[in-house]
Amino acid sequence: MNLLPLHAAILLWALSPSVQNHCDKSSETSKLNLSVTYELPTFTADFPIQNMVTLDDIIYVGAVNRIYALAPNLTKLSEYHTGPLLASEVCGLTQTRTGSTGRVDNHNIALVVENIYDKGLYSCGSADNGVCRRHVLDEGYSLKGVDEDVYCFADKIMPGEGHPIDPDVVVSPSGSQVLNVESNVITFFVGNSEIPNAGSISSNASRPHTISQRKMKTSQNGFTFFSNLSYMDLIPSLQGNYYLRYVYSFHSGHFTYFLTVQQVSKDTQAYHTRIVRMCSSDLVIRRYVEMPLECISTDKRRRRSTKDVKVFNILQAAHVTKVGNDAELQRQLKVEEGEDLLFAAFAQGKPDSPEPTPNSAVCVMSLKHINNMFKMYMQRCNTIDPYHFTGSDKTSCYNV
């Protein structure tokens, strides 16, 4: 379901009226030794870095044409060459133009770790027909390099051979957010972006679902859907002409969340950010809800007017972490230590465009408060169907 357009905005906490309007003078400045040189550990990749995850203190870096494994001090332990690839080297059969023998770069769309069976890393590249590669990192008796045991994670798929079946097509060339939620099985929640005029999917490839959840087979040779209700797609009339970009995903409590930038509605070229929530325990998508999310700044020193309100509508990046032992932060946000906070960087969008302007802000939001807003509007029956998935925008009431 889609909540009616409520701007769920939390003021940037640093702009609180309790904050003084000047900086305190530092009494320690004169004692600082400004001649000290700090040598920090660094790692320089050969190609642009696109994703990064950690598992057991090892840092895995996804870049164009490379996957790197780094020690905590950023020393390179191993690397895997994901490209450039010939057509015969990609996961699954790829039709090429007559006479085409060139190699293609492999951009890292998603990087995911799992820790239930053998410790594993999934690298999902732009050249592999939506299929991910599985890197077996530890089989219980020895730690392996990221390049030692790698295979296309799809049933009956080898490099240059076979067509991937529907559940094994995970990511989209337009960009994806992939989140692994582990319980007694490994479940991938996937949001695939839909960007108009970003290039079409090849005719021999399956179209990835817009939003889906799938489980890893116990045979460890691919994925399967729980049912045909485990995914939703943009309705046909919007495919190719509706902007929907998945920016960030995370897991908190009983829920899985996605943050998106998309059109306000099918009939407008205005854009905003939404937060999507799904129940992590559901085997099908049956408790889906989304709500607009904006970062709003007001000048507290003046009487509020339209001119004093700045709306930042286009999400650029986000991160979820726990509240620490910070009494002032806890007081301002009305949260307790250990609760989840969402830090979100927004920009003001260009008119009728998802493109950002240089004007930006960071908002800090409590997941508890966001969930309370979801609950409040659902209890009031202020909900409408998500038109982009259902083709209907009727008002509905759901039992929470």
Protein backbone atom coordinates (compact mmCIF):
# COMPACT_ATOMS: atom_id res chain seq x y z
CA MET A 1 0.00 0.00 0.00
CA ASN A 2 1.07 3.58 -0.51
CA LEU A 3 0.43 6.22 2.12
CA LEU A 4 -1.21 9.46 1.05
CA PRO A 5 1.36 12.16 0.36
CA LEU A 6 2.61 13.00 3.82
CA HIS A 7 5.98 14.71 4.03
CA ALA A 8 7.60 12.63 6.76
CA ALA A 9 10.34 15.11 7.54
CA ILE A 10 12.58 15.31 10.55
CA LEU A 11 14.51 18.56 11.00
CA LEU A 12 18.27 18.26 10.79
CA TRP A 13 19.10 17.94 14.48
CA ALA A 14 22.09 20.26 14.27
CA LEU A 15 19.67 23.10 13.49
CA SER A 16 17.86 22.65 16.80
CA PRO A 17 16.98 25.93 18.57
CA SER A 18 18.96 24.67 21.56
CA VAL A 19 22.17 24.99 19.57
CA GLN A 20 23.94 28.31 20.10
CA ASN A 21 24.25 30.71 17.19
CA HIS A 22 28.03 30.88 17.49
CA CYS A 23 30.93 28.47 17.87
CA ASP A 24 32.55 28.00 21.25
CA LYS A 25 36.15 29.12 21.41
CA SER A 26 38.49 26.17 21.64
CA SER A 27 40.78 26.34 24.65
CA GLU A 28 43.00 23.56 23.31
CA THR A 29 43.96 25.06 19.95
CA SER A 30 47.21 26.57 21.23
CA LYS A 31 48.32 23.16 22.59
CA LEU A 32 47.99 21.33 19.30
CA ASN A 33 51.18 20.24 17.56
CA LEU A 34 50.36 21.13 13.96
CA SER A 35 53.63 19.67 12.67
CA VAL A 36 52.56 16.05 13.32
CA THR A 37 52.18 13.94 10.18
CA TYR A 38 49.53 11.24 10.32
CA GLU A 39 50.05 8.16 8.18
CA LEU A 40 46.71 6.45 7.63
CA PRO A 41 46.31 3.09 5.89
CA THR A 42 45.16 3.47 2.29
CA PHE A 43 44.23 1.31 -0.66
CA THR A 44 44.13 2.51 -4.24
CA ALA A 45 42.07 0.45 -6.66
CA ASP A 46 42.94 0.11 -10.33
CA PHE A 47 39.34 0.91 -11.32
CA PRO A 48 36.48 3.00 -9.88
CA ILE A 49 35.10 1.55 -6.62
CA GLN A 50 31.33 0.95 -6.61
CA ASN A 51 30.46 -1.20 -3.54
CA MET A 52 32.02 -2.36 -0.28
CA VAL A 53 31.04 -4.94 2.39
CA THR A 54 32.77 -6.64 5.32
CA LEU A 55 32.74 -10.19 6.69
CA ASP A 56 34.85 -11.40 9.63
CA ASP A 57 37.03 -8.27 9.51
CA ILE A 58 37.85 -8.77 5.82
CA ILE A 59 36.84 -5.88 3.56
CA TYR A 60 35.49 -6.80 0.12
CA VAL A 61 35.54 -4.06 -2.49
CA GLY A 62 33.54 -4.19 -5.71
CA ALA A 63 34.96 -2.09 -8.54
CA VAL A 64 34.70 -1.98 -12.31
CA ASN A 65 36.26 -5.27 -13.53
CA ARG A 66 37.64 -6.21 -10.08
CA ILE A 67 36.69 -7.64 -6.69
CA TYR A 68 39.30 -7.01 -3.98
CA ALA A 69 39.72 -8.62 -0.55
CA LEU A 70 41.50 -6.38 1.95
CA ALA A 71 42.86 -6.90 5.45
CA PRO A 72 41.74 -4.49 8.22
CA ASN A 73 44.88 -2.42 7.55
CA LEU A 74 43.81 -2.21 3.86
CA THR A 75 46.55 -4.54 2.64
CA LYS A 76 45.35 -6.44 -0.45
CA LEU A 77 44.86 -10.14 0.27
CA SER A 78 43.49 -11.28 -3.09
CA GLU A 79 41.62 -10.02 -6.14
CA TYR A 80 39.29 -11.44 -8.75
CA HIS A 81 39.07 -10.16 -12.32
CA THR A 82 35.40 -9.75 -13.25
CA GLY A 83 36.20 -8.18 -16.63
CA PRO A 84 36.60 -6.99 -19.28
CA LEU A 85 34.75 -10.04 -20.58
CA LEU A 86 34.22 -11.71 -23.93
CA ALA A 87 30.73 -12.96 -24.73
CA SER A 88 31.92 -16.51 -24.03
CA GLU A 89 33.03 -15.51 -20.51
CA VAL A 90 29.83 -13.99 -19.12
CA CYS A 91 27.33 -15.96 -17.04
CA GLY A 92 24.90 -17.45 -19.55
CA LEU A 93 24.59 -17.22 -23.29
CA THR A 94 24.83 -13.73 -24.76
CA GLN A 95 23.88 -12.89 -28.32
CA THR A 96 26.43 -10.62 -29.93
CA ARG A 97 26.39 -8.60 -33.09
CA THR A 98 27.83 -10.27 -36.16
CA GLY A 99 31.59 -9.93 -36.17
CA SER A 100 31.72 -8.51 -32.64
CA THR A 101 34.69 -9.89 -30.71
CA GLY A 102 35.26 -7.05 -28.27
CA ARG A 103 35.38 -7.24 -24.51
CA VAL A 104 32.96 -5.38 -22.26
CA ASP A 105 33.58 -3.80 -18.86
CA ASN A 106 31.81 -5.39 -15.91
CA HIS A 107 30.46 -2.82 -13.45
CA ASN A 108 29.75 -4.02 -9.92
CA ILE A 109 26.02 -3.52 -9.36
CA ALA A 110 25.77 -5.30 -6.00
CA LEU A 111 28.02 -6.97 -3.44
CA VAL A 112 26.44 -9.19 -0.76
CA VAL A 113 27.80 -11.53 1.94
CA GLU A 114 26.21 -14.60 3.55
CA ASN A 115 27.16 -16.62 6.59
CA ILE A 116 24.77 -19.59 6.92
CA TYR A 117 26.27 -22.27 4.70
CA ASP A 118 29.87 -21.78 3.64
CA LYS A 119 30.90 -18.17 4.10
CA GLY A 120 30.14 -16.60 0.76
CA LEU A 121 30.31 -13.40 -1.24
CA TYR A 122 27.97 -12.59 -4.13
CA SER A 123 29.20 -10.17 -6.79
CA CYS A 124 26.58 -9.07 -9.31
CA GLY A 125 27.98 -7.44 -12.43
CA SER A 126 26.52 -5.56 -15.36
CA ALA A 127 27.85 -8.04 -17.94
CA ASP A 128 26.40 -11.23 -16.44
CA ASN A 129 22.77 -11.13 -17.66
CA GLY A 130 21.45 -10.25 -14.18
CA VAL A 131 23.13 -13.30 -12.63
CA CYS A 132 25.43 -13.03 -9.59
CA ARG A 133 28.69 -14.89 -9.07
CA ARG A 134 29.26 -16.72 -5.80
CA HIS A 135 32.70 -16.64 -4.18
CA VAL A 136 33.16 -19.40 -1.58
CA LEU A 137 35.32 -17.79 1.09
CA ASP A 138 35.45 -20.40 3.85
CA GLU A 139 34.27 -24.01 3.81
CA GLY A 140 34.80 -24.44 7.53
CA TYR A 141 38.43 -25.47 7.48
CA SER A 142 40.34 -22.79 5.58
CA LEU A 143 39.97 -19.20 4.42
CA LYS A 144 40.01 -18.81 0.65
CA GLY A 145 40.95 -15.90 -1.53
CA VAL A 146 38.19 -14.09 -3.36
CA ASP A 147 39.45 -15.61 -6.62
CA GLU A 148 39.86 -19.28 -5.63
CA ASP A 149 36.32 -20.74 -5.80
CA VAL A 150 33.97 -18.68 -7.99
CA TYR A 151 31.02 -19.78 -10.12
CA CYS A 152 27.89 -18.38 -11.76
CA PHE A 153 25.15 -18.65 -9.15
CA ALA A 154 22.36 -19.89 -11.39
CA ASP A 155 20.98 -23.33 -12.19
CA LYS A 156 22.53 -24.88 -15.33
CA ILE A 157 24.43 -21.70 -16.13
CA MET A 158 28.07 -21.68 -17.14
CA PRO A 159 30.15 -18.95 -18.77
CA GLY A 160 28.79 -18.58 -22.29
CA GLU A 161 26.20 -21.35 -21.81
CA GLY A 162 22.53 -21.51 -20.86
CA HIS A 163 19.75 -19.01 -20.26
CA PRO A 164 19.09 -17.99 -16.63
CA ILE A 165 15.64 -18.78 -15.25
CA ASP A 166 13.50 -16.09 -13.67
CA PRO A 167 14.61 -16.38 -9.98
CA ASP A 168 18.29 -16.37 -10.93
CA VAL A 169 18.01 -12.98 -12.68
CA VAL A 170 18.75 -10.78 -9.69
CA VAL A 171 20.02 -7.35 -10.75
CA SER A 172 19.24 -4.73 -13.37
CA PRO A 173 21.68 -2.79 -15.60
CA SER A 174 19.98 0.40 -14.35
CA GLY A 175 21.15 -0.28 -10.78
CA SER A 176 19.97 -2.40 -7.87
CA GLN A 177 19.82 -2.61 -4.10
CA VAL A 178 20.29 -6.17 -2.79
CA LEU A 179 19.86 -6.99 0.89
CA ASN A 180 20.51 -10.38 2.51
CA VAL A 181 18.26 -11.14 5.50
CA GLU A 182 19.33 -14.40 7.17
CA SER A 183 17.14 -16.50 9.47
CA ASN A 184 17.00 -20.25 8.87
CA VAL A 185 17.34 -19.55 5.15
CA ILE A 186 19.15 -16.95 3.07
CA THR A 187 16.63 -14.46 1.65
CA PHE A 188 17.60 -11.77 -0.84
CA PHE A 189 15.38 -8.67 -0.96
CA VAL A 190 16.03 -6.90 -4.26
CA GLY A 191 14.96 -3.53 -5.63
CA ASN A 192 15.79 -2.92 -9.31
CA SER A 193 15.82 0.61 -10.65
CA GLU A 194 13.79 1.60 -13.70
CA ILE A 195 15.42 4.55 -15.48
CA PRO A 196 13.80 5.78 -18.73
CA ASN A 197 16.17 6.00 -21.72
CA ALA A 198 18.93 4.19 -19.81
CA GLY A 199 19.26 1.46 -22.42
CA SER A 200 17.13 -1.59 -23.05
CA ILE A 201 17.67 -5.08 -21.72
CA SER A 202 18.98 -7.47 -24.39
CA SER A 203 16.33 -9.54 -26.12
CA ASN A 204 17.73 -12.85 -24.89
CA ALA A 205 17.81 -11.80 -21.22
CA SER A 206 14.97 -12.11 -18.72
CA ARG A 207 13.68 -8.82 -17.36
CA PRO A 208 14.48 -8.53 -13.63
CA HIS A 209 11.52 -7.91 -11.35
CA THR A 210 11.19 -4.39 -9.94
CA ILE A 211 10.99 -5.51 -6.31
CA SER A 212 11.28 -9.09 -5.12
CA GLN A 213 12.37 -11.52 -2.45
CA ARG A 214 13.95 -14.91 -3.19
CA LYS A 215 15.63 -17.65 -1.19
CA MET A 216 18.88 -19.45 -1.87
CA LYS A 217 18.42 -23.10 -2.79
CA THR A 218 19.87 -25.56 -0.29
CA SER A 219 21.64 -27.13 -3.27
CA GLN A 220 23.55 -23.84 -3.50
CA ASN A 221 23.16 -23.56 -7.27
CA GLY A 222 20.73 -20.68 -7.58
CA PHE A 223 17.62 -19.02 -6.20
CA THR A 224 13.92 -19.81 -6.09
CA PHE A 225 10.86 -17.67 -5.39
CA PHE A 226 8.62 -18.63 -2.50
CA SER A 227 5.63 -18.11 -4.85
CA ASN A 228 4.47 -15.88 -7.71
CA LEU A 229 3.51 -13.35 -5.03
CA SER A 230 7.15 -12.87 -4.06
CA TYR A 231 7.68 -10.09 -6.58
CA MET A 232 6.04 -6.99 -8.05
CA ASP A 233 6.72 -5.18 -11.32
CA LEU A 234 5.89 -1.77 -12.71
CA ILE A 235 2.67 -2.01 -14.66
CA PRO A 236 3.31 -2.38 -18.43
CA SER A 237 2.15 1.16 -19.26
CA LEU A 238 4.86 2.63 -16.98
CA GLN A 239 7.75 0.37 -17.96
CA GLY A 240 10.29 2.47 -19.80
CA ASN A 241 8.72 5.84 -18.94
CA TYR A 242 8.51 5.98 -15.13
CA TYR A 243 11.56 6.97 -13.08
CA LEU A 244 12.21 4.74 -10.07
CA ARG A 245 15.71 4.55 -8.56
CA TYR A 246 16.58 2.39 -5.53
CA VAL A 247 19.21 4.27 -3.53
CA TYR A 248 19.67 2.37 -0.24
CA SER A 249 18.40 -0.70 1.61
CA PHE A 250 18.69 -1.87 5.22
CA HIS A 251 17.22 -4.22 7.81
CA SER A 252 15.92 -3.04 11.19
CA GLY A 253 13.87 -5.03 13.70
CA HIS A 254 11.14 -7.00 11.94
CA PHE A 255 11.32 -4.95 8.75
CA THR A 256 13.27 -4.58 5.53
CA TYR A 257 13.48 -1.07 4.09
CA PHE A 258 14.27 0.51 0.73
CA LEU A 259 14.81 4.20 0.00
CA THR A 260 13.86 5.31 -3.49
CA VAL A 261 13.79 8.43 -5.65
CA GLN A 262 10.81 8.40 -8.00
CA GLN A 263 8.12 10.43 -9.67
CA VAL A 264 5.46 11.85 -7.37
CA SER A 265 2.81 10.31 -9.63
CA LYS A 266 2.37 8.97 -13.15
CA ASP A 267 0.97 12.32 -14.34
CA THR A 268 3.73 14.62 -13.14
CA GLN A 269 7.43 15.20 -13.73
CA ALA A 270 7.95 16.21 -10.10
CA TYR A 271 10.21 13.91 -8.07
CA HIS A 272 10.61 13.00 -4.42
CA THR A 273 12.05 10.39 -2.06
CA ARG A 274 10.07 7.52 -0.55
CA ILE A 275 10.76 5.01 2.19
CA VAL A 276 9.49 1.48 1.50
CA ARG A 277 8.84 -1.03 4.29
CA MET A 278 8.27 -4.80 4.05
CA CYS A 279 8.04 -7.51 6.71
CA SER A 280 11.26 -9.51 6.71
CA SER A 281 9.47 -12.67 7.85
CA ASP A 282 6.89 -12.71 5.05
CA LEU A 283 7.41 -15.33 2.34
CA VAL A 284 5.39 -13.21 -0.10
CA ILE A 285 4.94 -9.47 -0.51
CA ARG A 286 1.72 -8.95 1.48
CA ARG A 287 2.58 -6.19 3.98
CA TYR A 288 4.18 -3.64 1.69
CA VAL A 289 3.92 0.07 2.48
CA GLU A 290 5.70 3.21 1.26
CA MET A 291 5.66 6.84 2.31
CA PRO A 292 7.16 10.10 1.00
CA LEU A 293 10.24 11.26 2.89
CA GLU A 294 11.76 14.73 2.77
CA CYS A 295 14.36 16.70 4.68
CA ILE A 296 13.01 20.13 5.67
CA SER A 297 14.96 23.01 7.17
CA THR A 298 13.36 26.07 8.78
CA ASP A 299 14.90 29.19 10.27
CA LYS A 300 13.84 29.06 13.93
CA ARG A 301 15.02 32.61 14.56
CA ARG A 302 12.22 34.08 12.46
CA ARG A 303 8.50 33.69 12.36
CA ARG A 304 7.95 30.74 10.04
CA SER A 305 6.99 31.63 6.49
CA THR A 306 7.19 29.94 3.12
CA LYS A 307 10.46 31.74 2.38
CA ASP A 308 12.11 30.29 5.48
CA VAL A 309 11.30 26.66 4.60
CA LYS A 310 13.84 24.75 2.52
CA VAL A 311 12.77 21.36 1.18
CA PHE A 312 15.41 18.82 0.19
CA ASN A 313 13.61 16.17 -1.83
CA ILE A 314 16.19 14.05 -3.67
CA LEU A 315 18.03 11.44 -1.61
CA GLN A 316 21.73 11.08 -2.43
CA ALA A 317 22.99 8.58 0.15
CA ALA A 318 21.99 7.05 3.48
CA HIS A 319 23.27 4.95 6.36
CA VAL A 320 21.63 3.27 9.38
CA THR A 321 23.43 2.92 12.70
CA LYS A 322 22.73 2.60 16.42
CA VAL A 323 22.34 5.51 18.84
CA GLY A 324 25.46 5.76 20.96
CA ASN A 325 26.06 7.10 24.46
CA ASP A 326 25.27 10.70 23.51
CA ALA A 327 22.83 12.26 25.98
CA GLU A 328 22.30 15.44 23.93
CA LEU A 329 21.53 13.53 20.73
CA GLN A 330 19.16 11.24 22.63
CA ARG A 331 17.38 14.23 24.13
CA GLN A 332 17.00 16.12 20.85
CA LEU A 333 15.75 13.12 18.87
CA LYS A 334 13.80 11.57 21.79
CA VAL A 335 15.53 8.23 21.39
CA GLU A 336 17.39 5.83 23.65
CA GLU A 337 20.81 4.25 23.35
CA GLY A 338 20.79 1.25 21.00
CA GLU A 339 17.89 2.43 18.82
CA ASP A 340 18.33 2.60 15.04
CA LEU A 341 18.90 5.97 13.40
CA LEU A 342 18.74 6.78 9.70
CA PHE A 343 21.26 9.35 8.48
CA ALA A 344 20.17 10.58 5.06
CA ALA A 345 21.87 13.06 2.73
CA PHE A 346 19.39 14.97 0.55
CA ALA A 347 19.71 17.56 -2.18
CA GLN A 348 17.24 20.04 -3.59
CA GLY A 349 16.24 18.75 -7.00
CA LYS A 350 16.23 20.72 -10.20
CA PRO A 351 12.71 21.70 -11.35
CA ASP A 352 10.85 18.68 -12.76
CA SER A 353 13.99 16.56 -12.58
CA PRO A 354 15.58 13.92 -10.34
CA GLU A 355 18.94 15.64 -10.84
CA PRO A 356 20.33 17.32 -7.70
CA THR A 357 21.39 20.94 -7.27
CA PRO A 358 24.44 21.88 -5.13
CA ASN A 359 22.10 22.69 -2.19
CA SER A 360 22.10 19.79 0.26
CA ALA A 361 21.42 18.80 3.87
CA VAL A 362 21.70 15.79 6.16
CA CYS A 363 18.70 14.67 8.22
CA VAL A 364 18.80 12.28 11.16
CA MET A 365 15.65 10.22 11.64
CA SER A 366 14.62 7.68 14.25
CA LEU A 367 13.31 4.40 12.82
CA LYS A 368 10.96 4.18 15.80
CA HIS A 369 9.38 7.51 14.87
CA ILE A 370 9.16 6.57 11.18
CA ASN A 371 7.39 3.33 12.10
CA ASN A 372 5.00 5.28 14.34
CA MET A 373 4.08 7.45 11.36
CA PHE A 374 3.46 4.38 9.22
CA LYS A 375 1.20 2.97 11.95
CA MET A 376 -0.69 6.22 12.52
CA TYR A 377 -1.63 6.71 8.88
CA MET A 378 -2.56 3.08 8.41
CA GLN A 379 -4.81 3.16 11.48
CA ARG A 380 -6.53 6.26 10.09
CA CYS A 381 -7.05 4.45 6.77
CA ASN A 382 -5.25 7.27 4.95
CA THR A 383 -3.84 4.85 2.41
CA ILE A 384 -4.06 4.36 -1.33
CA ASP A 385 -2.94 1.53 -3.57
CA PRO A 386 0.54 1.92 -5.11
CA TYR A 387 -0.49 2.79 -8.65
CA HIS A 388 2.92 2.02 -10.18
CA PHE A 389 2.55 -1.64 -9.12
CA THR A 390 -1.23 -2.18 -9.17
CA GLY A 391 -2.57 0.20 -11.81
CA SER A 392 -5.12 1.40 -9.24
CA ASP A 393 -5.04 4.40 -6.95
CA LYS A 394 -8.22 3.67 -5.00
CA THR A 395 -8.37 4.47 -1.31
CA SER A 396 -8.08 1.39 0.88
CA CYS A 397 -8.11 0.55 4.58
CA TYR A 398 -5.74 -2.02 6.03
CA ASN A 399 -5.81 -3.76 9.39
CA VAL A 400 -2.49 -3.09 11.13
